[in-house]
Amino acid sequence: MQAHSPPGSRVCVFGAGSIGCYVGGRLAAAGARVTLIGRERFAREIDAHGLHLTDYRGAEIRVPAGTVRYSTDPAEAADAQLVLVAVKSAGSAEAGRTLAEVLRGQPPVVSLQNGIGNAETLRQHIRNAPVLAGMIGFNVLHGENGHFHHGTDGELMAAHHRELEPWLPLFQSAGIPLELRNDMLEVQWGKLLLNLNNPVNALAGIPLKEELSQRAYRRCI
């Protein structure tokens, strides 16, 4: 699978929780050299069990322990050629300051975070590399022993930039195609509005499509 990756591809997932471990694991299985950076409890779990990745379509991928590195040290991002930021929105400023200090090159930095404005926050601190808005449109459930399950439909997207184009074959071969968009702000707002609908849908007690087809529920949103 190495032939699908940019030469010597080194990917860092900064703030690797459930989403980050799943995306990073899929890229590692496709041949990229992936470093996950995050919390100690994830590091212990993945060091012991590796990654077990499944999805709702029936895919099942195992990345043995030691194949992908999980570290708690932000300095491990120094030589990354692509950085995927997956911290919570409240941690964007700290992540930006940290990455600005440790990155040696000028890799594209993609914010794979929920909400609006995270890329702008990162960009305030990371001045020497392209910082791009992104979005993960699917959910990932963290099970036991390194198991991460992609359980819903949805796309992986990022703002269009020439620096991301060489990475598209890697994401494609990993089974998580990356779609480059010229309207990422609109896409982000669309997802946010659907997220705001979650409590209304829960109280309605009916399928999402049926709920959104009714004007009264749309007015509640």
C-alpha atoms as a PDB file:
ATOM      1  CA  MET A   1       0.000   0.000   0.000  1.00  0.00           C
ATOM      2  CA  GLN A   2       2.966   2.317   0.321  1.00  0.00           C
ATOM      3  CA  ALA A   3       2.671   3.254  -3.356  1.00  0.00           C
ATOM      4  CA  HIS A   4      -0.523   5.179  -2.579  1.00  0.00           C
ATOM      5  CA  SER A   5       1.203   7.462  -0.054  1.00  0.00           C
ATOM      6  CA  PRO A   6       3.256  10.589  -0.721  1.00  0.00           C
ATOM      7  CA  PRO A   7       6.945   9.609  -0.476  1.00  0.00           C
ATOM      8  CA  GLY A   8       7.919   9.158   3.177  1.00  0.00           C
ATOM      9  CA  SER A   9       4.461  10.273   4.278  1.00  0.00           C
ATOM     10  CA  ARG A  10       4.482  11.228   7.936  1.00  0.00           C
ATOM     11  CA  VAL A  11       1.103  12.058   9.444  1.00  0.00           C
ATOM     12  CA  CYS A  12       0.456  13.403  12.932  1.00  0.00           C
ATOM     13  CA  VAL A  13      -2.979  13.337  14.560  1.00  0.00           C
ATOM     14  CA  PHE A  14      -2.888  15.919  17.327  1.00  0.00           C
ATOM     15  CA  GLY A  15      -5.486  15.309  20.023  1.00  0.00           C
ATOM     16  CA  ALA A  16      -6.186  11.714  19.068  1.00  0.00           C
ATOM     17  CA  GLY A  17      -9.345  10.533  20.793  1.00  0.00           C
ATOM     18  CA  SER A  18     -11.919   8.311  19.138  1.00  0.00           C
ATOM     19  CA  ILE A  19     -12.061  10.182  15.828  1.00  0.00           C
ATOM     20  CA  GLY A  20      -8.323  10.742  15.693  1.00  0.00           C
ATOM     21  CA  CYS A  21      -7.467   7.126  16.457  1.00  0.00           C
ATOM     22  CA  TYR A  22      -9.870   5.882  13.799  1.00  0.00           C
ATOM     23  CA  VAL A  23      -8.675   8.219  11.046  1.00  0.00           C
ATOM     24  CA  GLY A  24      -5.019   7.809  11.988  1.00  0.00           C
ATOM     25  CA  GLY A  25      -5.384   4.061  12.170  1.00  0.00           C
ATOM     26  CA  ARG A  26      -6.956   3.844   8.731  1.00  0.00           C
ATOM     27  CA  LEU A  27      -4.119   5.946   7.278  1.00  0.00           C
ATOM     28  CA  ALA A  28      -1.527   3.763   9.014  1.00  0.00           C
ATOM     29  CA  ALA A  29      -3.149   0.643   7.587  1.00  0.00           C
ATOM     30  CA  ALA A  30      -2.841   2.237   4.129  1.00  0.00           C
ATOM     31  CA  GLY A  31       0.903   2.700   4.519  1.00  0.00           C
ATOM     32  CA  ALA A  32       1.429   6.111   6.127  1.00  0.00           C
ATOM     33  CA  ARG A  33       3.799   6.618   9.046  1.00  0.00           C
ATOM     34  CA  VAL A  34       1.359   7.845  11.672  1.00  0.00           C
ATOM     35  CA  THR A  35       1.962   9.358  15.081  1.00  0.00           C
ATOM     36  CA  LEU A  36      -1.028   9.839  17.363  1.00  0.00           C
ATOM     37  CA  ILE A  37      -0.650  12.429  20.112  1.00  0.00           C
ATOM     38  CA  GLY A  38      -3.043  12.591  23.027  1.00  0.00           C
ATOM     39  CA  ARG A  39      -3.858  11.331  26.483  1.00  0.00           C
ATOM     40  CA  GLU A  40      -2.006   8.779  28.558  1.00  0.00           C
ATOM     41  CA  ARG A  41      -4.978   6.414  28.830  1.00  0.00           C
ATOM     42  CA  PHE A  42      -5.189   6.088  25.046  1.00  0.00           C
ATOM     43  CA  ALA A  43      -1.434   5.596  24.829  1.00  0.00           C
ATOM     44  CA  ARG A  44      -1.555   2.692  27.310  1.00  0.00           C
ATOM     45  CA  GLU A  45      -4.505   1.058  25.564  1.00  0.00           C
ATOM     46  CA  ILE A  46      -3.057   1.281  22.053  1.00  0.00           C
ATOM     47  CA  ASP A  47       0.450   0.294  23.130  1.00  0.00           C
ATOM     48  CA  ALA A  48      -1.076  -2.828  24.643  1.00  0.00           C
ATOM     49  CA  HIS A  49      -3.669  -3.765  22.015  1.00  0.00           C
ATOM     50  CA  GLY A  50      -2.966  -1.866  18.810  1.00  0.00           C
ATOM     51  CA  LEU A  51      -5.998  -0.671  16.867  1.00  0.00           C
ATOM     52  CA  HIS A  52      -9.087  -2.655  15.893  1.00  0.00           C
ATOM     53  CA  LEU A  53     -11.043  -0.602  13.338  1.00  0.00           C
ATOM     54  CA  THR A  54     -14.502  -1.502  12.064  1.00  0.00           C
ATOM     55  CA  ASP A  55     -17.258   0.297  10.184  1.00  0.00           C
ATOM     56  CA  TYR A  56     -20.963  -0.044   9.515  1.00  0.00           C
ATOM     57  CA  ARG A  57     -20.268  -1.403   6.021  1.00  0.00           C
ATOM     58  CA  GLY A  58     -18.510  -4.452   7.460  1.00  0.00           C
ATOM     59  CA  ALA A  59     -14.861  -3.424   7.224  1.00  0.00           C
ATOM     60  CA  GLU A  60     -12.530  -4.858   9.862  1.00  0.00           C
ATOM     61  CA  ILE A  61      -8.913  -3.735  10.074  1.00  0.00           C
ATOM     62  CA  ARG A  62      -6.299  -4.497  12.682  1.00  0.00           C
ATOM     63  CA  VAL A  63      -3.222  -2.341  13.156  1.00  0.00           C
ATOM     64  CA  PRO A  64      -0.842  -4.281  15.437  1.00  0.00           C
ATOM     65  CA  ALA A  65       0.660  -2.636  18.489  1.00  0.00           C
ATOM     66  CA  GLY A  66       3.880  -0.902  17.523  1.00  0.00           C
ATOM     67  CA  THR A  67       2.762  -0.228  13.952  1.00  0.00           C
ATOM     68  CA  VAL A  68       1.332   3.158  14.862  1.00  0.00           C
ATOM     69  CA  ARG A  69       2.944   5.277  17.568  1.00  0.00           C
ATOM     70  CA  TYR A  70       0.832   6.887  20.280  1.00  0.00           C
ATOM     71  CA  SER A  71       2.630   9.541  22.298  1.00  0.00           C
ATOM     72  CA  THR A  72       1.738  12.079  24.957  1.00  0.00           C
ATOM     73  CA  ASP A  73       4.614  14.328  23.883  1.00  0.00           C
ATOM     74  CA  PRO A  74       3.648  17.125  21.441  1.00  0.00           C
ATOM     75  CA  ALA A  75       7.258  17.273  20.242  1.00  0.00           C
ATOM     76  CA  GLU A  76       6.574  14.031  18.339  1.00  0.00           C
ATOM     77  CA  ALA A  77       4.748  16.194  15.770  1.00  0.00           C
ATOM     78  CA  ALA A  78       7.959  18.001  14.807  1.00  0.00           C
ATOM     79  CA  ASP A  79       8.650  16.194  11.517  1.00  0.00           C
ATOM     80  CA  ALA A  80       5.059  15.688  10.371  1.00  0.00           C
ATOM     81  CA  GLN A  81       4.232  16.326   6.720  1.00  0.00           C
ATOM     82  CA  LEU A  82       0.505  16.469   7.431  1.00  0.00           C
ATOM     83  CA  VAL A  83      -1.121  17.414  10.744  1.00  0.00           C
ATOM     84  CA  LEU A  84      -4.728  16.549  11.582  1.00  0.00           C
ATOM     85  CA  VAL A  85      -6.018  18.405  14.637  1.00  0.00           C
ATOM     86  CA  ALA A  86      -8.762  16.595  16.543  1.00  0.00           C
ATOM     87  CA  VAL A  87      -8.806  18.346  19.928  1.00  0.00           C
ATOM     88  CA  LYS A  88     -12.045  19.717  21.373  1.00  0.00           C
ATOM     89  CA  SER A  89     -12.870  23.267  20.294  1.00  0.00           C
ATOM     90  CA  ALA A  90     -11.936  24.653  23.701  1.00  0.00           C
ATOM     91  CA  GLY A  91      -8.412  23.327  23.192  1.00  0.00           C
ATOM     92  CA  SER A  92      -7.817  24.960  19.803  1.00  0.00           C
ATOM     93  CA  ALA A  93      -5.777  27.919  21.063  1.00  0.00           C
ATOM     94  CA  GLU A  94      -3.507  25.723  23.177  1.00  0.00           C
ATOM     95  CA  ALA A  95      -3.092  23.281  20.295  1.00  0.00           C
ATOM     96  CA  GLY A  96      -2.173  26.150  17.989  1.00  0.00           C
ATOM     97  CA  ARG A  97       0.433  27.517  20.383  1.00  0.00           C
ATOM     98  CA  THR A  98       1.937  24.080  20.927  1.00  0.00           C
ATOM     99  CA  LEU A  99       2.128  23.175  17.245  1.00  0.00           C
ATOM    100  CA  ALA A 100       3.638  26.556  16.402  1.00  0.00           C
ATOM    101  CA  GLU A 101       6.453  25.783  18.826  1.00  0.00           C
ATOM    102  CA  VAL A 102       7.209  22.215  17.735  1.00  0.00           C
ATOM    103  CA  LEU A 103       6.627  22.022  13.968  1.00  0.00           C
ATOM    104  CA  ARG A 104       9.879  22.220  12.038  1.00  0.00           C
ATOM    105  CA  GLY A 105       8.510  22.392   8.527  1.00  0.00           C
ATOM    106  CA  GLN A 106       5.423  23.923   6.943  1.00  0.00           C
ATOM    107  CA  PRO A 107       3.012  20.985   6.729  1.00  0.00           C
ATOM    108  CA  PRO A 108      -0.664  21.539   5.970  1.00  0.00           C
ATOM    109  CA  VAL A 109      -2.636  21.576   9.221  1.00  0.00           C
ATOM    110  CA  VAL A 110      -6.264  20.449   8.975  1.00  0.00           C
ATOM    111  CA  SER A 111      -8.788  21.141  11.721  1.00  0.00           C
ATOM    112  CA  LEU A 112     -10.996  18.050  11.992  1.00  0.00           C
ATOM    113  CA  GLN A 113     -13.070  19.583  14.779  1.00  0.00           C
ATOM    114  CA  ASN A 114     -16.746  20.236  15.336  1.00  0.00           C
ATOM    115  CA  GLY A 115     -17.930  23.821  15.363  1.00  0.00           C
ATOM    116  CA  ILE A 116     -17.134  27.054  13.587  1.00  0.00           C
ATOM    117  CA  GLY A 117     -13.906  29.038  13.813  1.00  0.00           C
ATOM    118  CA  ASN A 118     -11.420  26.422  15.010  1.00  0.00           C
ATOM    119  CA  ALA A 119      -9.190  26.804  11.950  1.00  0.00           C
ATOM    120  CA  GLU A 120      -9.125  30.554  12.474  1.00  0.00           C
ATOM    121  CA  THR A 121      -8.069  30.052  16.091  1.00  0.00           C
ATOM    122  CA  LEU A 122      -5.282  27.693  15.057  1.00  0.00           C
ATOM    123  CA  ARG A 123      -4.222  30.124  12.339  1.00  0.00           C
ATOM    124  CA  GLN A 124      -3.688  32.891  14.885  1.00  0.00           C
ATOM    125  CA  HIS A 125      -0.766  30.890  16.270  1.00  0.00           C
ATOM    126  CA  ILE A 126       0.459  28.790  13.335  1.00  0.00           C
ATOM    127  CA  ARG A 127       1.748  31.422  10.927  1.00  0.00           C
ATOM    128  CA  ASN A 128       4.216  29.477   8.762  1.00  0.00           C
ATOM    129  CA  ALA A 129       1.991  26.656   7.494  1.00  0.00           C
ATOM    130  CA  PRO A 130      -1.394  26.463   5.755  1.00  0.00           C
ATOM    131  CA  VAL A 131      -4.167  25.919   8.297  1.00  0.00           C
ATOM    132  CA  LEU A 132      -7.366  24.573   6.765  1.00  0.00           C
ATOM    133  CA  ALA A 133     -10.881  23.975   7.995  1.00  0.00           C
ATOM    134  CA  GLY A 134     -12.089  20.401   7.849  1.00  0.00           C
ATOM    135  CA  MET A 135     -14.925  18.226   9.038  1.00  0.00           C
ATOM    136  CA  ILE A 136     -15.686  14.611   9.859  1.00  0.00           C
ATOM    137  CA  GLY A 137     -19.292  13.870   9.041  1.00  0.00           C
ATOM    138  CA  PHE A 138     -19.492  10.485  10.744  1.00  0.00           C
ATOM    139  CA  ASN A 139     -19.463   9.199  14.310  1.00  0.00           C
ATOM    140  CA  VAL A 140     -16.879   6.893  15.879  1.00  0.00           C
ATOM    141  CA  LEU A 141     -17.585   4.788  18.966  1.00  0.00           C
ATOM    142  CA  HIS A 142     -14.712   3.799  21.249  1.00  0.00           C
ATOM    143  CA  GLY A 143     -15.040   0.253  22.538  1.00  0.00           C
ATOM    144  CA  GLU A 144     -12.550  -1.814  24.517  1.00  0.00           C
ATOM    145  CA  ASN A 145      -8.977  -2.877  23.772  1.00  0.00           C
ATOM    146  CA  GLY A 146      -8.321  -0.387  20.999  1.00  0.00           C
ATOM    147  CA  HIS A 147     -11.601  -0.945  19.165  1.00  0.00           C
ATOM    148  CA  PHE A 148     -12.978   2.053  17.267  1.00  0.00           C
ATOM    149  CA  HIS A 149     -16.178   1.689  15.248  1.00  0.00           C
ATOM    150  CA  HIS A 150     -17.260   4.032  12.432  1.00  0.00           C
ATOM    151  CA  GLY A 151     -20.979   3.741  12.904  1.00  0.00           C
ATOM    152  CA  THR A 152     -22.713   6.261  10.636  1.00  0.00           C
ATOM    153  CA  ASP A 153     -22.690   7.547   7.095  1.00  0.00           C
ATOM    154  CA  GLY A 154     -20.848  10.802   6.406  1.00  0.00           C
ATOM    155  CA  GLU A 155     -17.906  12.328   4.593  1.00  0.00           C
ATOM    156  CA  LEU A 156     -14.404  13.494   5.454  1.00  0.00           C
ATOM    157  CA  MET A 157     -13.921  17.012   4.057  1.00  0.00           C
ATOM    158  CA  ALA A 158     -11.403  19.842   4.055  1.00  0.00           C
ATOM    159  CA  ALA A 159     -11.008  23.234   2.453  1.00  0.00           C
ATOM    160  CA  HIS A 160      -9.478  23.002  -0.997  1.00  0.00           C
ATOM    161  CA  HIS A 161      -5.737  23.666  -1.045  1.00  0.00           C
ATOM    162  CA  ARG A 162      -3.034  22.476  -3.412  1.00  0.00           C
ATOM    163  CA  GLU A 163      -0.984  21.156  -0.468  1.00  0.00           C
ATOM    164  CA  LEU A 164      -3.670  18.554   0.231  1.00  0.00           C
ATOM    165  CA  GLU A 165      -3.997  17.250  -3.299  1.00  0.00           C
ATOM    166  CA  PRO A 166      -1.000  14.845  -3.098  1.00  0.00           C
ATOM    167  CA  TRP A 167      -2.612  13.239  -0.038  1.00  0.00           C
ATOM    168  CA  LEU A 168      -5.898  12.355  -1.711  1.00  0.00           C
ATOM    169  CA  PRO A 169      -4.743   8.917  -2.995  1.00  0.00           C
ATOM    170  CA  LEU A 170      -3.695   7.951   0.545  1.00  0.00           C
ATOM    171  CA  PHE A 171      -7.098   8.802   2.003  1.00  0.00           C
ATOM    172  CA  GLN A 172      -8.791   7.016  -0.879  1.00  0.00           C
ATOM    173  CA  SER A 173      -6.767   3.830  -0.402  1.00  0.00           C
ATOM    174  CA  ALA A 174      -7.406   4.034   3.352  1.00  0.00           C
ATOM    175  CA  GLY A 175     -11.154   3.806   2.718  1.00  0.00           C
ATOM    176  CA  ILE A 176     -11.835   7.301   4.077  1.00  0.00           C
ATOM    177  CA  PRO A 177     -11.837   9.524   0.970  1.00  0.00           C
ATOM    178  CA  LEU A 178     -11.048  13.177   1.593  1.00  0.00           C
ATOM    179  CA  GLU A 179     -13.258  15.593  -0.327  1.00  0.00           C
ATOM    180  CA  LEU A 180     -11.775  19.037  -0.936  1.00  0.00           C
ATOM    181  CA  ARG A 181     -14.377  21.820  -0.842  1.00  0.00           C
ATOM    182  CA  ASN A 182     -14.519  25.467  -1.758  1.00  0.00           C
ATOM    183  CA  ASP A 183     -17.491  26.034   0.577  1.00  0.00           C
ATOM    184  CA  MET A 184     -16.271  24.652   3.892  1.00  0.00           C
ATOM    185  CA  LEU A 185     -17.900  27.393   5.963  1.00  0.00           C
ATOM    186  CA  GLU A 186     -21.315  26.504   4.537  1.00  0.00           C
ATOM    187  CA  VAL A 187     -20.619  22.807   5.103  1.00  0.00           C
ATOM    188  CA  GLN A 188     -19.645  23.458   8.732  1.00  0.00           C
ATOM    189  CA  TRP A 189     -22.777  25.499   9.375  1.00  0.00           C
ATOM    190  CA  GLY A 190     -24.882  22.752   7.854  1.00  0.00           C
ATOM    191  CA  LYS A 191     -23.443  20.178  10.233  1.00  0.00           C
ATOM    192  CA  LEU A 192     -23.837  22.532  13.199  1.00  0.00           C
ATOM    193  CA  LEU A 193     -27.525  23.034  12.419  1.00  0.00           C
ATOM    194  CA  LEU A 194     -28.048  19.271  12.256  1.00  0.00           C
ATOM    195  CA  ASN A 195     -26.221  18.885  15.576  1.00  0.00           C
ATOM    196  CA  LEU A 196     -28.518  21.501  17.122  1.00  0.00           C
ATOM    197  CA  ASN A 197     -31.436  19.368  15.961  1.00  0.00           C
ATOM    198  CA  ASN A 198     -30.283  16.358  18.013  1.00  0.00           C
ATOM    199  CA  PRO A 199     -32.295  17.182  21.184  1.00  0.00           C
ATOM    200  CA  VAL A 200     -35.403  18.006  19.125  1.00  0.00           C
ATOM    201  CA  ASN A 201     -35.083  14.672  17.322  1.00  0.00           C
ATOM    202  CA  ALA A 202     -34.613  12.831  20.607  1.00  0.00           C
ATOM    203  CA  LEU A 203     -37.745  14.403  22.087  1.00  0.00           C
ATOM    204  CA  ALA A 204     -39.730  13.779  18.902  1.00  0.00           C
ATOM    205  CA  GLY A 205     -38.983  10.081  19.088  1.00  0.00           C
ATOM    206  CA  ILE A 206     -39.230   9.602  15.322  1.00  0.00           C
ATOM    207  CA  PRO A 207     -36.642   9.016  12.553  1.00  0.00           C
ATOM    208  CA  LEU A 208     -34.642  12.072  11.493  1.00  0.00           C
ATOM    209  CA  LYS A 209     -36.006  12.199   7.938  1.00  0.00           C
ATOM    210  CA  GLU A 210     -39.593  12.021   9.186  1.00  0.00           C
ATOM    211  CA  GLU A 211     -38.950  14.745  11.753  1.00  0.00           C
ATOM    212  CA  LEU A 212     -37.304  17.151   9.302  1.00  0.00           C
ATOM    213  CA  SER A 213     -40.136  16.643   6.802  1.00  0.00           C
ATOM    214  CA  GLN A 214     -42.545  18.282   9.264  1.00  0.00           C
ATOM    215  CA  ARG A 215     -42.616  22.084   9.359  1.00  0.00           C
ATOM    216  CA  ALA A 216     -43.504  22.270  13.064  1.00  0.00           C
ATOM    217  CA  TYR A 217     -40.307  20.468  14.025  1.00  0.00           C
ATOM    218  CA  ARG A 218     -38.253  22.626  11.651  1.00  0.00           C
ATOM    219  CA  ARG A 219     -39.671  25.708  13.361  1.00  0.00           C
ATOM    220  CA  CYS A 220     -38.549  24.325  16.731  1.00  0.00           C
ATOM    221  CA  ILE A 221     -35.002  24.070  15.396  1.00  0.00           C
END
